[in-house]
Amino acid sequence: MVTLNFGPSEVLLRVTDDGIGFDPAAVHGVPSATGRGFGLSGMRERAGLVGGFLVLRSASGMGTTIEACIPYQTRSGSGITAYIEEASMAIPVR
């Protein structure tokens, strides 16, 4: 499931599955399986570059949840401010 929630000063993206899970410590800093990127390390770095953070929860035999929390600022009077303050949606992914 993918959820995207807008708070007053941050946006939270949560991706959760009910798969087999894995040991997060075993993949910390390891390039992706394709060898073309840095997977979770790259996601964590990108979140940090914009002042946010990444949280990973997983265990072998359990599902996995990845959360990215990114801060933002809105300009008062902009049309998007009201939308951001009230928006919250959940989109199931199949």
C-alpha atoms as a PDB file:
ATOM      1  CA  MET A   1       0.000   0.000   0.000  1.00  0.00           C
ATOM      2  CA  VAL A   2       1.194   3.517  -0.745  1.00  0.00           C
ATOM      3  CA  THR A   3       0.047   6.471   1.350  1.00  0.00           C
ATOM      4  CA  LEU A   4       0.869  10.131   0.904  1.00  0.00           C
ATOM      5  CA  ASN A   5       0.006  12.465   3.785  1.00  0.00           C
ATOM      6  CA  PHE A   6       0.471  16.221   3.871  1.00  0.00           C
ATOM      7  CA  GLY A   7       1.059  17.818   7.263  1.00  0.00           C
ATOM      8  CA  PRO A   8       1.413  21.512   8.043  1.00  0.00           C
ATOM      9  CA  SER A   9       5.160  21.480   7.352  1.00  0.00           C
ATOM     10  CA  GLU A  10       6.050  18.065   5.938  1.00  0.00           C
ATOM     11  CA  VAL A  11       4.875  15.426   3.525  1.00  0.00           C
ATOM     12  CA  LEU A  12       5.081  11.737   4.488  1.00  0.00           C
ATOM     13  CA  LEU A  13       5.271   9.015   1.858  1.00  0.00           C
ATOM     14  CA  ARG A  14       4.792   5.474   3.197  1.00  0.00           C
ATOM     15  CA  VAL A  15       5.203   2.325   1.110  1.00  0.00           C
ATOM     16  CA  THR A  16       4.237  -0.952   2.808  1.00  0.00           C
ATOM     17  CA  ASP A  17       4.125  -4.508   1.543  1.00  0.00           C
ATOM     18  CA  ASP A  18       3.380  -7.875   3.098  1.00  0.00           C
ATOM     19  CA  GLY A  19       6.225  -9.696   1.369  1.00  0.00           C
ATOM     20  CA  ILE A  20       8.990 -11.847   2.818  1.00  0.00           C
ATOM     21  CA  GLY A  21      10.987  -8.908   4.208  1.00  0.00           C
ATOM     22  CA  PHE A  22      14.752  -8.774   4.695  1.00  0.00           C
ATOM     23  CA  ASP A  23      17.413  -7.763   7.195  1.00  0.00           C
ATOM     24  CA  PRO A  24      17.989  -4.006   6.675  1.00  0.00           C
ATOM     25  CA  ALA A  25      21.478  -4.202   8.227  1.00  0.00           C
ATOM     26  CA  ALA A  26      22.518  -6.718   5.581  1.00  0.00           C
ATOM     27  CA  VAL A  27      21.834  -4.298   2.720  1.00  0.00           C
ATOM     28  CA  HIS A  28      23.018  -1.021   4.304  1.00  0.00           C
ATOM     29  CA  GLY A  29      25.385   0.653   1.838  1.00  0.00           C
ATOM     30  CA  VAL A  30      25.170  -2.193  -0.688  1.00  0.00           C
ATOM     31  CA  PRO A  31      24.589  -1.199  -4.347  1.00  0.00           C
ATOM     32  CA  SER A  32      21.298  -2.301  -5.909  1.00  0.00           C
ATOM     33  CA  ALA A  33      20.971  -5.791  -7.372  1.00  0.00           C
ATOM     34  CA  THR A  34      21.205  -4.346 -10.901  1.00  0.00           C
ATOM     35  CA  GLY A  35      24.469  -2.578 -10.074  1.00  0.00           C
ATOM     36  CA  ARG A  36      23.097   0.665 -11.529  1.00  0.00           C
ATOM     37  CA  GLY A  37      22.312   2.485  -8.308  1.00  0.00           C
ATOM     38  CA  PHE A  38      22.532   2.504  -4.565  1.00  0.00           C
ATOM     39  CA  GLY A  39      18.950   1.571  -3.692  1.00  0.00           C
ATOM     40  CA  LEU A  40      18.072   2.334  -0.092  1.00  0.00           C
ATOM     41  CA  SER A  41      21.283   4.278   0.534  1.00  0.00           C
ATOM     42  CA  GLY A  42      20.468   6.549  -2.403  1.00  0.00           C
ATOM     43  CA  MET A  43      16.916   7.060  -1.154  1.00  0.00           C
ATOM     44  CA  ARG A  44      18.205   7.966   2.312  1.00  0.00           C
ATOM     45  CA  GLU A  45      20.766  10.377   0.856  1.00  0.00           C
ATOM     46  CA  ARG A  46      18.212  12.101  -1.406  1.00  0.00           C
ATOM     47  CA  ALA A  47      15.790  12.588   1.484  1.00  0.00           C
ATOM     48  CA  GLY A  48      18.596  14.073   3.571  1.00  0.00           C
ATOM     49  CA  LEU A  49      19.610  16.465   0.791  1.00  0.00           C
ATOM     50  CA  VAL A  50      16.221  18.197   1.060  1.00  0.00           C
ATOM     51  CA  GLY A  51      16.167  18.189   4.870  1.00  0.00           C
ATOM     52  CA  GLY A  52      14.134  15.007   5.266  1.00  0.00           C
ATOM     53  CA  PHE A  53      14.772  11.481   6.418  1.00  0.00           C
ATOM     54  CA  LEU A  54      14.017   7.885   5.503  1.00  0.00           C
ATOM     55  CA  VAL A  55      12.806   5.166   7.897  1.00  0.00           C
ATOM     56  CA  LEU A  56      13.000   1.487   6.964  1.00  0.00           C
ATOM     57  CA  ARG A  57      11.247  -1.276   8.904  1.00  0.00           C
ATOM     58  CA  SER A  58      11.628  -4.880   7.823  1.00  0.00           C
ATOM     59  CA  ALA A  59      12.551  -8.310   9.103  1.00  0.00           C
ATOM     60  CA  SER A  60      13.044 -11.649   7.434  1.00  0.00           C
ATOM     61  CA  GLY A  61       9.678 -13.360   7.128  1.00  0.00           C
ATOM     62  CA  MET A  62       7.761 -10.098   7.612  1.00  0.00           C
ATOM     63  CA  GLY A  63       6.703  -7.293   5.306  1.00  0.00           C
ATOM     64  CA  THR A  64       8.588  -4.066   4.684  1.00  0.00           C
ATOM     65  CA  THR A  65       7.688  -0.427   5.299  1.00  0.00           C
ATOM     66  CA  ILE A  66       9.661   2.512   3.951  1.00  0.00           C
ATOM     67  CA  GLU A  67       8.757   6.040   5.032  1.00  0.00           C
ATOM     68  CA  ALA A  68      10.160   9.252   3.606  1.00  0.00           C
ATOM     69  CA  CYS A  69       9.410  12.454   5.493  1.00  0.00           C
ATOM     70  CA  ILE A  70      10.201  15.651   3.581  1.00  0.00           C
ATOM     71  CA  PRO A  71       9.735  19.164   4.987  1.00  0.00           C
ATOM     72  CA  TYR A  72       8.250  21.954   2.892  1.00  0.00           C
ATOM     73  CA  GLN A  73       7.188  25.563   3.195  1.00  0.00           C
ATOM     74  CA  THR A  74       4.079  27.102   1.706  1.00  0.00           C
ATOM     75  CA  ARG A  75       3.457  30.684   0.742  1.00  0.00           C
ATOM     76  CA  SER A  76       0.447  32.166   2.502  1.00  0.00           C
ATOM     77  CA  GLY A  77      -2.345  33.047   0.134  1.00  0.00           C
ATOM     78  CA  SER A  78      -1.336  30.493  -2.468  1.00  0.00           C
ATOM     79  CA  GLY A  79      -4.046  28.213  -3.808  1.00  0.00           C
ATOM     80  CA  ILE A  80      -2.092  25.115  -2.904  1.00  0.00           C
ATOM     81  CA  THR A  81      -1.803  25.968   0.813  1.00  0.00           C
ATOM     82  CA  ALA A  82      -5.370  24.972   1.669  1.00  0.00           C
ATOM     83  CA  TYR A  83      -5.059  21.793  -0.388  1.00  0.00           C
ATOM     84  CA  ILE A  84      -1.817  20.764   1.313  1.00  0.00           C
ATOM     85  CA  GLU A  85      -3.174  21.433   4.789  1.00  0.00           C
ATOM     86  CA  GLU A  86      -6.244  19.262   4.224  1.00  0.00           C
ATOM     87  CA  ALA A  87      -5.014  16.613   1.803  1.00  0.00           C
ATOM     88  CA  SER A  88      -4.469  13.040   2.828  1.00  0.00           C
ATOM     89  CA  MET A  89      -4.903  10.084   0.532  1.00  0.00           C
ATOM     90  CA  ALA A  90      -4.239   6.381   0.431  1.00  0.00           C
ATOM     91  CA  ILE A  91      -3.696   4.629  -2.882  1.00  0.00           C
ATOM     92  CA  PRO A  92      -3.655   0.822  -2.875  1.00  0.00           C
ATOM     93  CA  VAL A  93      -1.074  -0.609  -5.282  1.00  0.00           C
ATOM     94  CA  ARG A  94      -1.666  -4.035  -6.777  1.00  0.00           C
END
